[in-house]
C-alpha atoms as a PDB file:
ATOM      1  CA  MET A   1      56.760  16.546  -6.116  1.00  0.00           C
ATOM      2  CA  ILE A   2      54.132  13.359  -6.682  1.00  0.00           C
ATOM      3  CA  ASP A   3      50.597  14.668  -5.818  1.00  0.00           C
ATOM      4  CA  GLY A   4      49.674  11.770  -3.200  1.00  0.00           C
ATOM      5  CA  THR A   5      46.466  12.004  -4.726  1.00  0.00           C
ATOM      6  CA  GLN A   6      47.635   9.960  -7.506  1.00  0.00           C
ATOM      7  CA  ILE A   7      49.353   7.022  -5.152  1.00  0.00           C
ATOM      8  CA  ALA A   8      44.882   5.587  -4.811  1.00  0.00           C
ATOM      9  CA  PRO A   9      44.665   2.396  -6.300  1.00  0.00           C
ATOM     10  CA  VAL A  10      44.032   2.582 -10.175  1.00  0.00           C
ATOM     11  CA  LEU A  11      40.759   0.012 -10.679  1.00  0.00           C
ATOM     12  CA  ARG A  12      40.677  -1.360 -13.917  1.00  0.00           C
ATOM     13  CA  ARG A  13      37.627  -0.516 -16.001  1.00  0.00           C
ATOM     14  CA  ARG A  14      34.915  -2.651 -15.668  1.00  0.00           C
ATOM     15  CA  ASN A  15      31.482  -2.834 -18.143  1.00  0.00           C
ATOM     16  CA  ILE A  16      29.544  -3.310 -14.376  1.00  0.00           C
ATOM     17  CA  VAL A  17      26.520  -3.853 -15.916  1.00  0.00           C
ATOM     18  CA  GLY A  18      27.560  -6.296 -18.633  1.00  0.00           C
ATOM     19  CA  GLU A  19      29.181  -8.580 -15.810  1.00  0.00           C
ATOM     20  CA  VAL A  20      25.795  -8.268 -13.608  1.00  0.00           C
ATOM     21  CA  LEU A  21      23.569  -9.093 -16.891  1.00  0.00           C
ATOM     22  CA  ALA A  22      25.762 -12.089 -17.606  1.00  0.00           C
ATOM     23  CA  ALA A  23      24.449 -13.513 -14.743  1.00  0.00           C
ATOM     24  CA  PRO A  24      20.961 -15.899 -15.802  1.00  0.00           C
ATOM     25  CA  GLN A  25      19.241 -14.980 -12.010  1.00  0.00           C
ATOM     26  CA  ALA A  26      20.228 -11.183 -12.536  1.00  0.00           C
ATOM     27  CA  VAL A  27      18.141 -11.201 -16.133  1.00  0.00           C
ATOM     28  CA  VAL A  28      15.161 -13.177 -14.590  1.00  0.00           C
ATOM     29  CA  ALA A  29      15.060 -10.870 -11.489  1.00  0.00           C
ATOM     30  CA  LEU A  30      15.788  -8.046 -14.127  1.00  0.00           C
ATOM     31  CA  ILE A  31      12.730  -8.968 -15.949  1.00  0.00           C
ATOM     32  CA  ILE A  32      10.677  -9.379 -13.491  1.00  0.00           C
ATOM     33  CA  LEU A  33      11.127  -5.999 -12.185  1.00  0.00           C
ATOM     34  CA  VAL A  34      10.563  -4.168 -14.805  1.00  0.00           C
ATOM     35  CA  LEU A  35       6.879  -5.823 -14.952  1.00  0.00           C
ATOM     36  CA  VAL A  36       6.483  -5.042 -11.919  1.00  0.00           C
ATOM     37  CA  THR A  37       7.190  -1.593 -11.872  1.00  0.00           C
ATOM     38  CA  LEU A  38       5.448  -1.336 -15.836  1.00  0.00           C
ATOM     39  CA  SER A  39       2.265  -2.683 -14.061  1.00  0.00           C
ATOM     40  CA  ALA A  40       2.637  -0.220 -11.534  1.00  0.00           C
ATOM     41  CA  VAL A  41       3.161   2.750 -14.177  1.00  0.00           C
ATOM     42  CA  LEU A  42       0.199   1.622 -16.022  1.00  0.00           C
ATOM     43  CA  ALA A  43      -2.028   0.964 -12.952  1.00  0.00           C
ATOM     44  CA  PRO A  44      -4.494   3.901 -14.337  1.00  0.00           C
ATOM     45  CA  LEU A  45      -5.038   2.552 -17.752  1.00  0.00           C
ATOM     46  CA  TYR A  46      -5.767  -0.819 -16.628  1.00  0.00           C
ATOM     47  CA  ALA A  47      -8.676   0.355 -14.197  1.00  0.00           C
ATOM     48  CA  ARG A  48      -9.976   3.223 -17.340  1.00  0.00           C
ATOM     49  CA  PHE A  49     -10.002   1.198 -20.022  1.00  0.00           C
ATOM     50  CA  VAL A  50      -9.714  -2.845 -18.475  1.00  0.00           C
ATOM     51  CA  ALA A  51     -11.550  -3.044 -15.276  1.00  0.00           C
ATOM     52  CA  HIS A  52     -14.015  -0.009 -16.463  1.00  0.00           C
ATOM     53  CA  THR A  53     -13.884   1.183 -12.235  1.00  0.00           C
ATOM     54  CA  ASP A  54     -12.710   3.112  -9.882  1.00  0.00           C
ATOM     55  CA  PRO A  55     -10.775   0.696  -7.462  1.00  0.00           C
ATOM     56  CA  PHE A  56     -11.190   3.702  -4.772  1.00  0.00           C
ATOM     57  CA  SER A  57     -15.010   3.926  -4.498  1.00  0.00           C
ATOM     58  CA  SER A  58     -17.517   1.739  -2.872  1.00  0.00           C
ATOM     59  CA  GLN A  59     -19.074  -0.213  -5.456  1.00  0.00           C
ATOM     60  CA  VAL A  60     -21.461  -2.691  -3.599  1.00  0.00           C
ATOM     61  CA  SER A  61     -24.218  -1.783  -5.914  1.00  0.00           C
ATOM     62  CA  ALA A  62     -22.580  -2.780  -8.741  1.00  0.00           C
ATOM     63  CA  THR A  63     -23.351  -5.093 -11.500  1.00  0.00           C
ATOM     64  CA  ILE A  64     -21.265  -6.406 -14.575  1.00  0.00           C
ATOM     65  CA  THR A  65     -22.192  -8.802 -16.944  1.00  0.00           C
ATOM     66  CA  LEU A  66     -21.093 -12.023 -17.311  1.00  0.00           C
ATOM     67  CA  GLY A  67     -22.395 -14.882 -20.256  1.00  0.00           C
ATOM     68  CA  GLY A  68     -24.698 -12.145 -21.110  1.00  0.00           C
ATOM     69  CA  LYS A  69     -26.296 -11.638 -17.843  1.00  0.00           C
ATOM     70  CA  ALA A  70     -26.301  -8.978 -15.117  1.00  0.00           C
ATOM     71  CA  VAL A  71     -24.457 -10.272 -12.265  1.00  0.00           C
ATOM     72  CA  PRO A  72     -23.875  -8.284  -9.033  1.00  0.00           C
ATOM     73  CA  VAL A  73     -20.611  -7.640  -7.919  1.00  0.00           C
ATOM     74  CA  MET A  74     -21.966  -8.608  -4.065  1.00  0.00           C
ATOM     75  CA  GLN A  75     -23.447 -11.611  -4.272  1.00  0.00           C
ATOM     76  CA  GLN A  76     -25.704 -13.656  -1.568  1.00  0.00           C
ATOM     77  CA  SER A  77     -23.401 -15.945   0.544  1.00  0.00           C
ATOM     78  CA  THR A  78     -23.537 -19.578  -0.072  1.00  0.00           C
ATOM     79  CA  THR A  79     -21.872 -20.760   3.029  1.00  0.00           C
ATOM     80  CA  GLY A  80     -23.582 -21.064   6.792  1.00  0.00           C
ATOM     81  CA  LEU A  81     -26.829 -19.742   7.531  1.00  0.00           C
ATOM     82  CA  LYS A  82     -26.646 -17.769   3.574  1.00  0.00           C
ATOM     83  CA  LEU A  83     -26.814 -14.551   5.784  1.00  0.00           C
ATOM     84  CA  GLY A  84     -25.229 -11.455   4.439  1.00  0.00           C
ATOM     85  CA  VAL A  85     -23.296 -11.016   0.882  1.00  0.00           C
ATOM     86  CA  THR A  86     -19.753 -11.816  -0.546  1.00  0.00           C
ATOM     87  CA  PRO A  87     -18.000 -10.296  -3.385  1.00  0.00           C
ATOM     88  CA  ILE A  88     -17.726 -11.683  -6.760  1.00  0.00           C
ATOM     89  CA  GLY A  89     -14.925 -14.444  -7.179  1.00  0.00           C
ATOM     90  CA  PRO A  90     -12.322 -14.341  -9.853  1.00  0.00           C
ATOM     91  CA  THR A  91     -13.708 -13.535 -13.164  1.00  0.00           C
ATOM     92  CA  TRP A  92     -10.920 -14.072 -15.528  1.00  0.00           C
ATOM     93  CA  SER A  93     -11.944 -11.330 -17.719  1.00  0.00           C
ATOM     94  CA  GLY A  94     -11.269  -7.727 -18.111  1.00  0.00           C
ATOM     95  CA  GLN A  95     -13.732  -6.542 -15.109  1.00  0.00           C
ATOM     96  CA  TYR A  96     -13.113  -8.031 -11.748  1.00  0.00           C
ATOM     97  CA  PHE A  97     -10.202 -10.303 -13.151  1.00  0.00           C
ATOM     98  CA  ILE A  98      -9.461 -11.817  -9.737  1.00  0.00           C
ATOM     99  CA  GLY A  99     -12.620 -10.432  -7.992  1.00  0.00           C
ATOM    100  CA  ALA A 100     -13.829  -8.278  -5.568  1.00  0.00           C
ATOM    101  CA  ASP A 101     -12.607  -7.310  -1.971  1.00  0.00           C
ATOM    102  CA  ASN A 102     -15.832  -6.334   0.585  1.00  0.00           C
ATOM    103  CA  GLN A 103     -16.527  -3.183  -0.673  1.00  0.00           C
ATOM    104  CA  GLY A 104     -16.744  -4.502  -4.130  1.00  0.00           C
ATOM    105  CA  ARG A 105     -13.627  -2.660  -5.131  1.00  0.00           C
ATOM    106  CA  ASP A 106     -11.521  -4.599  -8.533  1.00  0.00           C
ATOM    107  CA  VAL A 107      -8.728  -6.197  -6.560  1.00  0.00           C
ATOM    108  CA  MET A 108      -6.719  -6.415  -9.358  1.00  0.00           C
ATOM    109  CA  SER A 109      -6.951  -2.623 -10.064  1.00  0.00           C
ATOM    110  CA  ARG A 110      -5.765  -1.885  -6.560  1.00  0.00           C
ATOM    111  CA  LEU A 111      -3.205  -4.599  -6.639  1.00  0.00           C
ATOM    112  CA  LEU A 112      -1.777  -2.243  -9.753  1.00  0.00           C
ATOM    113  CA  TYR A 113      -2.332   0.654  -7.700  1.00  0.00           C
ATOM    114  CA  GLY A 114      -0.869  -1.201  -4.321  1.00  0.00           C
ATOM    115  CA  GLY A 115       1.831  -1.790  -6.146  1.00  0.00           C
ATOM    116  CA  ARG A 116       2.647   2.255  -7.175  1.00  0.00           C
ATOM    117  CA  ASP A 117       2.954   3.009  -3.769  1.00  0.00           C
ATOM    118  CA  SER A 118       4.805   0.532  -2.263  1.00  0.00           C
ATOM    119  CA  LEU A 119       7.674   0.739  -4.860  1.00  0.00           C
ATOM    120  CA  LEU A 120       7.512   3.986  -4.940  1.00  0.00           C
ATOM    121  CA  ILE A 121       7.742   4.275  -0.901  1.00  0.00           C
ATOM    122  CA  GLY A 122      10.457   1.608  -1.395  1.00  0.00           C
ATOM    123  CA  ILE A 123      12.401   2.910  -3.609  1.00  0.00           C
ATOM    124  CA  THR A 124      12.671   6.469  -2.601  1.00  0.00           C
ATOM    125  CA  SER A 125      12.871   5.935   1.338  1.00  0.00           C
ATOM    126  CA  ALA A 126      16.154   3.588  -0.233  1.00  0.00           C
ATOM    127  CA  ILE A 127      17.664   6.443  -1.584  1.00  0.00           C
ATOM    128  CA  ALA A 128      16.800   8.743   0.981  1.00  0.00           C
ATOM    129  CA  CYS A 129      18.782   5.924   3.524  1.00  0.00           C
ATOM    130  CA  CYS A 130      21.631   5.365   1.619  1.00  0.00           C
ATOM    131  CA  VAL A 131      22.525   9.085   0.893  1.00  0.00           C
ATOM    132  CA  ILE A 132      22.161   9.976   4.883  1.00  0.00           C
ATOM    133  CA  ALA A 133      23.778   6.934   5.502  1.00  0.00           C
ATOM    134  CA  LEU A 134      26.561   8.035   3.557  1.00  0.00           C
ATOM    135  CA  VAL A 135      27.169  11.285   4.454  1.00  0.00           C
ATOM    136  CA  LEU A 136      26.744  10.255   8.280  1.00  0.00           C
ATOM    137  CA  GLY A 137      29.163   7.548   7.965  1.00  0.00           C
ATOM    138  CA  VAL A 138      31.553   8.839   5.943  1.00  0.00           C
ATOM    139  CA  LEU A 139      32.157  11.926   8.341  1.00  0.00           C
ATOM    140  CA  ALA A 140      32.076   9.590  11.386  1.00  0.00           C
ATOM    141  CA  GLY A 141      34.863   7.987   9.860  1.00  0.00           C
ATOM    142  CA  TYR A 142      36.656  10.568   8.550  1.00  0.00           C
ATOM    143  CA  VAL A 143      36.450  13.191  11.148  1.00  0.00           C
ATOM    144  CA  GLY A 144      36.676  11.056  14.048  1.00  0.00           C
ATOM    145  CA  GLY A 145      36.759  12.732  17.641  1.00  0.00           C
ATOM    146  CA  ILE A 146      33.762  14.288  19.354  1.00  0.00           C
ATOM    147  CA  VAL A 147      31.775  13.750  15.995  1.00  0.00           C
ATOM    148  CA  ASP A 148      32.329  10.087  16.096  1.00  0.00           C
ATOM    149  CA  GLY A 149      31.510   9.580  19.171  1.00  0.00           C
ATOM    150  CA  VAL A 150      28.034  11.460  19.619  1.00  0.00           C
ATOM    151  CA  LEU A 151      26.735   9.599  15.834  1.00  0.00           C
ATOM    152  CA  SER A 152      27.794   6.583  17.323  1.00  0.00           C
ATOM    153  CA  ARG A 153      26.181   6.505  19.868  1.00  0.00           C
ATOM    154  CA  ILE A 154      22.960   7.858  18.160  1.00  0.00           C
ATOM    155  CA  PHE A 155      23.235   4.631  16.066  1.00  0.00           C
ATOM    156  CA  ASP A 156      23.765   2.603  18.709  1.00  0.00           C
ATOM    157  CA  VAL A 157      21.068   3.758  20.415  1.00  0.00           C
ATOM    158  CA  LEU A 158      18.955   3.028  17.301  1.00  0.00           C
ATOM    159  CA  TRP A 159      20.066  -0.455  16.299  1.00  0.00           C
ATOM    160  CA  ALA A 160      19.127  -1.069  19.946  1.00  0.00           C
ATOM    161  CA  PHE A 161      15.521  -0.913  18.905  1.00  0.00           C
ATOM    162  CA  PRO A 162      13.851  -3.433  17.203  1.00  0.00           C
ATOM    163  CA  VAL A 163      13.417  -1.741  13.562  1.00  0.00           C
ATOM    164  CA  TYR A 164       9.218  -2.828  13.418  1.00  0.00           C
ATOM    165  CA  LEU A 165       8.795  -1.621  17.107  1.00  0.00           C
ATOM    166  CA  LEU A 166      10.349   1.261  16.288  1.00  0.00           C
ATOM    167  CA  ALA A 167       8.917   2.080  13.294  1.00  0.00           C
ATOM    168  CA  ILE A 168       5.623   1.039  14.409  1.00  0.00           C
ATOM    169  CA  CYS A 169       5.893   3.436  17.406  1.00  0.00           C
ATOM    170  CA  LEU A 170       7.269   6.673  15.309  1.00  0.00           C
ATOM    171  CA  SER A 171       4.145   5.900  12.725  1.00  0.00           C
ATOM    172  CA  ILE A 172       1.335   5.783  15.542  1.00  0.00           C
ATOM    173  CA  VAL A 173       3.568   9.257  16.878  1.00  0.00           C
ATOM    174  CA  LEU A 174       3.650  10.700  13.850  1.00  0.00           C
ATOM    175  CA  LEU A 175      -0.068  10.125  11.691  1.00  0.00           C
ATOM    176  CA  THR A 176      -2.002  10.899  15.481  1.00  0.00           C
ATOM    177  CA  SER A 177      -1.494  14.526  13.770  1.00  0.00           C
ATOM    178  CA  ARG A 178      -0.605  16.662  10.894  1.00  0.00           C
ATOM    179  CA  ILE A 179       3.224  17.868  10.775  1.00  0.00           C
ATOM    180  CA  ALA A 180       3.525  21.168  10.244  1.00  0.00           C
ATOM    181  CA  PHE A 181       7.222  23.187   9.226  1.00  0.00           C
ATOM    182  CA  GLY A 182       6.318  26.536   9.397  1.00  0.00           C
ATOM    183  CA  PRO A 183       3.964  27.023   5.993  1.00  0.00           C
ATOM    184  CA  ILE A 184       4.915  23.168   5.120  1.00  0.00           C
ATOM    185  CA  VAL A 185       1.849  20.991   6.074  1.00  0.00           C
ATOM    186  CA  ILE A 186       2.012  16.852   5.821  1.00  0.00           C
ATOM    187  CA  ASP A 187      -1.236  15.231   6.050  1.00  0.00           C
ATOM    188  CA  SER A 188      -1.294  12.062   8.420  1.00  0.00           C
ATOM    189  CA  SER A 189      -2.277  10.312   5.210  1.00  0.00           C
ATOM    190  CA  SER A 190       0.668  11.505   2.779  1.00  0.00           C
ATOM    191  CA  LEU A 191       3.328   8.981   1.904  1.00  0.00           C
ATOM    192  CA  ILE A 192       5.699  11.568   2.876  1.00  0.00           C
ATOM    193  CA  LEU A 193       5.613  10.125   6.578  1.00  0.00           C
ATOM    194  CA  PRO A 194       6.269   6.729   5.669  1.00  0.00           C
ATOM    195  CA  ILE A 195       8.922   7.526   3.474  1.00  0.00           C
ATOM    196  CA  ALA A 196      10.480   9.385   6.334  1.00  0.00           C
ATOM    197  CA  ILE A 197       9.822   6.688   8.837  1.00  0.00           C
ATOM    198  CA  ILE A 198      11.330   3.700   6.736  1.00  0.00           C
ATOM    199  CA  SER A 199      14.116   5.801   5.593  1.00  0.00           C
ATOM    200  CA  ILE A 200      15.015   7.173   9.364  1.00  0.00           C
ATOM    201  CA  ILE A 201      15.465   3.184  10.906  1.00  0.00           C
ATOM    202  CA  TYR A 202      17.299   1.737   9.117  1.00  0.00           C
ATOM    203  CA  VAL A 203      20.441   4.154   8.496  1.00  0.00           C
ATOM    204  CA  PRO A 204      22.521   2.539  10.922  1.00  0.00           C
ATOM    205  CA  TYR A 205      22.102  -0.248   9.189  1.00  0.00           C
ATOM    206  CA  ILE A 206      24.294   0.794   6.551  1.00  0.00           C
ATOM    207  CA  ALA A 207      25.847   3.632   8.536  1.00  0.00           C
ATOM    208  CA  ARG A 208      27.815   2.171  10.725  1.00  0.00           C
ATOM    209  CA  PRO A 209      29.822  -0.611   8.430  1.00  0.00           C
ATOM    210  CA  LEU A 210      30.344   2.229   6.148  1.00  0.00           C
ATOM    211  CA  ARG A 211      31.798   4.168   9.291  1.00  0.00           C
ATOM    212  CA  ALA A 212      34.058   1.167   9.705  1.00  0.00           C
ATOM    213  CA  GLN A 213      35.335   1.140   6.671  1.00  0.00           C
ATOM    214  CA  VAL A 214      35.952   5.028   6.133  1.00  0.00           C
ATOM    215  CA  ARG A 215      38.040   4.335   9.173  1.00  0.00           C
ATOM    216  CA  SER A 216      39.844   1.527   7.394  1.00  0.00           C
ATOM    217  CA  LEU A 217      40.686   3.552   4.520  1.00  0.00           C
ATOM    218  CA  CYS A 218      42.008   6.217   6.419  1.00  0.00           C
ATOM    219  CA  GLN A 219      44.952   4.718   7.701  1.00  0.00           C
ATOM    220  CA  ARG A 220      46.208   3.466   4.052  1.00  0.00           C
ATOM    221  CA  GLY A 221      49.111   4.801   2.364  1.00  0.00           C
ATOM    222  CA  PHE A 222      47.066   6.777  -0.465  1.00  0.00           C
ATOM    223  CA  VAL A 223      45.060   8.339   2.085  1.00  0.00           C
ATOM    224  CA  GLN A 224      47.576   9.264   3.901  1.00  0.00           C
ATOM    225  CA  ALA A 225      49.600  10.656   0.903  1.00  0.00           C
ATOM    226  CA  SER A 226      46.740  12.946   0.439  1.00  0.00           C
ATOM    227  CA  ILE A 227      46.851  14.151   3.826  1.00  0.00           C
ATOM    228  CA  SER A 228      50.844  14.695   3.849  1.00  0.00           C
ATOM    229  CA  VAL A 229      50.876  16.599   0.366  1.00  0.00           C
ATOM    230  CA  GLY A 230      48.310  19.462   1.869  1.00  0.00           C
ATOM    231  CA  SER A 231      45.103  18.157   0.168  1.00  0.00           C
ATOM    232  CA  SER A 232      41.540  19.766   1.293  1.00  0.00           C
ATOM    233  CA  ASN A 233      39.205  17.257   3.293  1.00  0.00           C
ATOM    234  CA  TRP A 234      36.911  17.660   0.913  1.00  0.00           C
ATOM    235  CA  ARG A 235      39.524  16.529  -2.243  1.00  0.00           C
ATOM    236  CA  ILE A 236      40.248  13.441   0.067  1.00  0.00           C
ATOM    237  CA  ILE A 237      36.664  12.573   0.499  1.00  0.00           C
ATOM    238  CA  ARG A 238      35.897  13.032  -3.023  1.00  0.00           C
ATOM    239  CA  ARG A 239      38.485  11.270  -5.095  1.00  0.00           C
ATOM    240  CA  ASP A 240      39.669   8.921  -2.382  1.00  0.00           C
ATOM    241  CA  ILE A 241      36.950   7.769  -0.215  1.00  0.00           C
ATOM    242  CA  LEU A 242      33.982   8.166  -2.063  1.00  0.00           C
ATOM    243  CA  PRO A 243      34.513   5.805  -4.810  1.00  0.00           C
ATOM    244  CA  ASN A 244      36.313   3.217  -2.334  1.00  0.00           C
ATOM    245  CA  VAL A 245      32.911   2.882   0.335  1.00  0.00           C
ATOM    246  CA  MET A 246      30.633   3.259  -3.185  1.00  0.00           C
ATOM    247  CA  PRO A 247      30.184  -0.005  -4.041  1.00  0.00           C
ATOM    248  CA  SER A 248      29.273  -1.482  -0.809  1.00  0.00           C
ATOM    249  CA  VAL A 249      26.166   1.456  -1.132  1.00  0.00           C
ATOM    250  CA  ILE A 250      25.291   0.050  -4.280  1.00  0.00           C
ATOM    251  CA  VAL A 251      25.020  -3.436  -2.930  1.00  0.00           C
ATOM    252  CA  TYR A 252      23.090  -1.723   0.000  1.00  0.00           C
ATOM    253  CA  PHE A 253      20.362  -0.820  -2.214  1.00  0.00           C
ATOM    254  CA  PRO A 254      18.235  -3.113  -4.163  1.00  0.00           C
ATOM    255  CA  ILE A 255      18.391  -4.987  -0.914  1.00  0.00           C
ATOM    256  CA  MET A 256      17.217  -1.785   1.300  1.00  0.00           C
ATOM    257  CA  VAL A 257      14.426  -1.398  -1.243  1.00  0.00           C
ATOM    258  CA  ALA A 258      13.141  -4.929  -0.380  1.00  0.00           C
ATOM    259  CA  LEU A 259      13.428  -4.527   3.159  1.00  0.00           C
ATOM    260  CA  ASN A 260      11.565  -0.990   2.992  1.00  0.00           C
ATOM    261  CA  ILE A 261       8.868  -2.974   0.947  1.00  0.00           C
ATOM    262  CA  LEU A 262       8.836  -5.779   3.499  1.00  0.00           C
ATOM    263  CA  ILE A 263       8.211  -3.196   6.966  1.00  0.00           C
ATOM    264  CA  GLU A 264       5.561  -0.762   4.622  1.00  0.00           C
ATOM    265  CA  SER A 265       3.594  -3.814   3.954  1.00  0.00           C
ATOM    266  CA  SER A 266       3.681  -4.601   7.412  1.00  0.00           C
ATOM    267  CA  LEU A 267       2.975  -0.841   8.643  1.00  0.00           C
ATOM    268  CA  SER A 268       0.176  -0.844   6.443  1.00  0.00           C
ATOM    269  CA  PHE A 269      -1.278  -3.979   7.010  1.00  0.00           C
ATOM    270  CA  LEU A 270      -1.086  -2.874  10.709  1.00  0.00           C
ATOM    271  CA  GLY A 271      -2.983   0.097   9.942  1.00  0.00           C
ATOM    272  CA  VAL A 272      -0.064   2.477  10.680  1.00  0.00           C
ATOM    273  CA  GLY A 273       1.349   2.986   7.232  1.00  0.00           C
ATOM    274  CA  VAL A 274      -0.059   4.021   4.133  1.00  0.00           C
ATOM    275  CA  GLN A 275      -3.357   5.608   4.780  1.00  0.00           C
ATOM    276  CA  PRO A 276      -6.822   5.556   2.386  1.00  0.00           C
ATOM    277  CA  PRO A 277      -7.431   7.093   0.429  1.00  0.00           C
ATOM    278  CA  ASN A 278      -3.978   5.823  -0.773  1.00  0.00           C
ATOM    279  CA  ALA A 279      -3.421   2.051  -0.655  1.00  0.00           C
ATOM    280  CA  SER A 280      -0.436  -0.026  -0.862  1.00  0.00           C
ATOM    281  CA  TRP A 281       0.031  -4.290  -1.173  1.00  0.00           C
ATOM    282  CA  GLY A 282      -0.329  -4.253   2.583  1.00  0.00           C
ATOM    283  CA  THR A 283      -3.738  -2.370   3.221  1.00  0.00           C
ATOM    284  CA  ILE A 284      -4.965  -4.452   0.279  1.00  0.00           C
ATOM    285  CA  ILE A 285      -3.839  -7.648   2.355  1.00  0.00           C
ATOM    286  CA  ASN A 286      -5.292  -6.110   5.404  1.00  0.00           C
ATOM    287  CA  ASP A 287      -8.711  -5.641   3.692  1.00  0.00           C
ATOM    288  CA  GLY A 288      -8.874  -9.088   2.671  1.00  0.00           C
ATOM    289  CA  LEU A 289      -8.411 -11.052   6.099  1.00  0.00           C
ATOM    290  CA  PRO A 290     -12.119 -10.588   6.628  1.00  0.00           C
ATOM    291  CA  LEU A 291     -12.892 -12.794   3.191  1.00  0.00           C
ATOM    292  CA  LEU A 292     -10.080 -15.022   3.720  1.00  0.00           C
ATOM    293  CA  TYR A 293     -11.502 -18.188   3.622  1.00  0.00           C
ATOM    294  CA  THR A 294     -14.146 -17.725   0.728  1.00  0.00           C
ATOM    295  CA  ARG A 295     -12.019 -14.924  -1.567  1.00  0.00           C
ATOM    296  CA  PRO A 296      -7.923 -15.462  -0.293  1.00  0.00           C
ATOM    297  CA  LEU A 297      -7.125 -14.035  -3.483  1.00  0.00           C
ATOM    298  CA  VAL A 298      -7.806 -10.700  -1.952  1.00  0.00           C
ATOM    299  CA  SER A 299      -5.200 -11.447   0.324  1.00  0.00           C
ATOM    300  CA  LEU A 300      -3.158 -13.629  -1.101  1.00  0.00           C
ATOM    301  CA  ALA A 301      -1.930 -11.762  -4.670  1.00  0.00           C
ATOM    302  CA  PRO A 302      -0.390  -9.167  -3.083  1.00  0.00           C
ATOM    303  CA  GLY A 303       1.431 -11.348  -0.607  1.00  0.00           C
ATOM    304  CA  ILE A 304       2.915 -13.046  -3.502  1.00  0.00           C
ATOM    305  CA  MET A 305       3.469  -9.206  -5.466  1.00  0.00           C
ATOM    306  CA  ILE A 306       5.291  -8.637  -2.360  1.00  0.00           C
ATOM    307  CA  ALA A 307       7.349 -12.159  -2.111  1.00  0.00           C
ATOM    308  CA  VAL A 308       8.114 -12.002  -5.698  1.00  0.00           C
ATOM    309  CA  THR A 309       9.364  -8.192  -5.853  1.00  0.00           C
ATOM    310  CA  CYS A 310      11.906  -9.270  -2.614  1.00  0.00           C
ATOM    311  CA  VAL A 311      13.524 -12.265  -3.998  1.00  0.00           C
ATOM    312  CA  ALA A 312      14.056 -10.609  -7.363  1.00  0.00           C
ATOM    313  CA  LEU A 313      15.560  -7.589  -5.631  1.00  0.00           C
ATOM    314  CA  ASN A 314      17.902  -9.564  -3.081  1.00  0.00           C
ATOM    315  CA  LEU A 315      18.822 -11.510  -6.474  1.00  0.00           C
ATOM    316  CA  ILE A 316      19.995  -8.430  -8.429  1.00  0.00           C
ATOM    317  CA  GLY A 317      21.516  -7.138  -4.998  1.00  0.00           C
ATOM    318  CA  ASP A 318      23.253 -11.108  -4.724  1.00  0.00           C
ATOM    319  CA  THR A 319      24.252 -10.580  -8.174  1.00  0.00           C
ATOM    320  CA  ILE A 320      26.131  -6.864  -7.803  1.00  0.00           C
ATOM    321  CA  ARG A 321      27.874  -8.008  -4.630  1.00  0.00           C
ATOM    322  CA  ASP A 322      28.904 -11.016  -6.299  1.00  0.00           C
ATOM    323  CA  VAL A 323      30.488  -8.681  -9.255  1.00  0.00           C
ATOM    324  CA  LEU A 324      31.962  -5.888  -7.620  1.00  0.00           C
ATOM    325  CA  ASP A 325      33.554  -8.241  -4.447  1.00  0.00           C
ATOM    326  CA  PRO A 326      33.902 -11.913  -5.376  1.00  0.00           C
ATOM    327  CA  GLN A 327      35.502 -12.489  -2.135  1.00  0.00           C
ATOM    328  CA  ALA A 328      32.641 -11.914  -0.824  1.00  0.00           C
ATOM    329  CA  LYS A 329      31.421 -15.662  -1.372  1.00  0.00           C
ATOM    330  CA  ILE A 330      35.214 -17.127  -0.439  1.00  0.00           C
ATOM    331  CA  ARG A 331      34.702 -15.664   2.821  1.00  0.00           C
ATOM    332  CA  GLU A 332      30.706 -16.485   3.164  1.00  0.00           C
ATOM    333  CA  ALA A 333      31.226 -19.940   2.660  1.00  0.00           C
ATOM    334  CA  VAL A 334      34.600 -20.383   5.316  1.00  0.00           C
END
């Protein structure tokens, strides 16, 4: 008797990484992401040895030496009635390379530290979202019946809410007080909360297409053959279902990281995402709003970092899709 699992399609061994790196746009995008990640990882070293400042404490009374002269970080305003103070602008040197914010903090140091939190939240929530969506999508598609019905209705409910509205509502509810699970207490300033919120809201956007893909695979001959010879459900899922849906998950992943960075930045900008003393690109944009006309780089710099990072992630996602599914481009063109 022939084992039905051997009837599954035999895929030609491919060097997927090599094919992706053969695309020039993917190489450029990967270089950008490596540089962004390295700069975020090395943020503490930059703040300590280059900027010589603490990016999380107020520096309104600090002074720096420029051209042999002591210059205050917060300078007398030269606009309007010349009342109040304005933070120092870009020095294009080690300290205050792109200027200071309204608390006298080094913007470049905060920008690098903000990248740590934005990338951490984006990547971690994308991993969690893809894993949850994969489990629920395979469960709904393979088991079917009442399980499929219940999960599909949950997906429909989450799908019906605008993503940003749902994220804002969940953030407001969870950030108003500490979350306790027995002895485990999660403070409102913890990064776990935005990671959990962002992970949940995008699950149906991956789980629904995966569920449809699994339903289609269950009708294929190699899966039916595995069922007919008495293979266990776990063996069928592991040998026949997962290898055929994982390419889709791999394509979704970099795109989800980009989407998560965008929504995290939006929530942080609105004050319901990353909470002090932590910083993200979204909180830095918010910090720079009062200085938009006098020190625009405070807000523009993190905005540029968000745009560049998300474009690079989307380029990599598109390249992976083209490698794993060359017909996708043809279908889109038609």
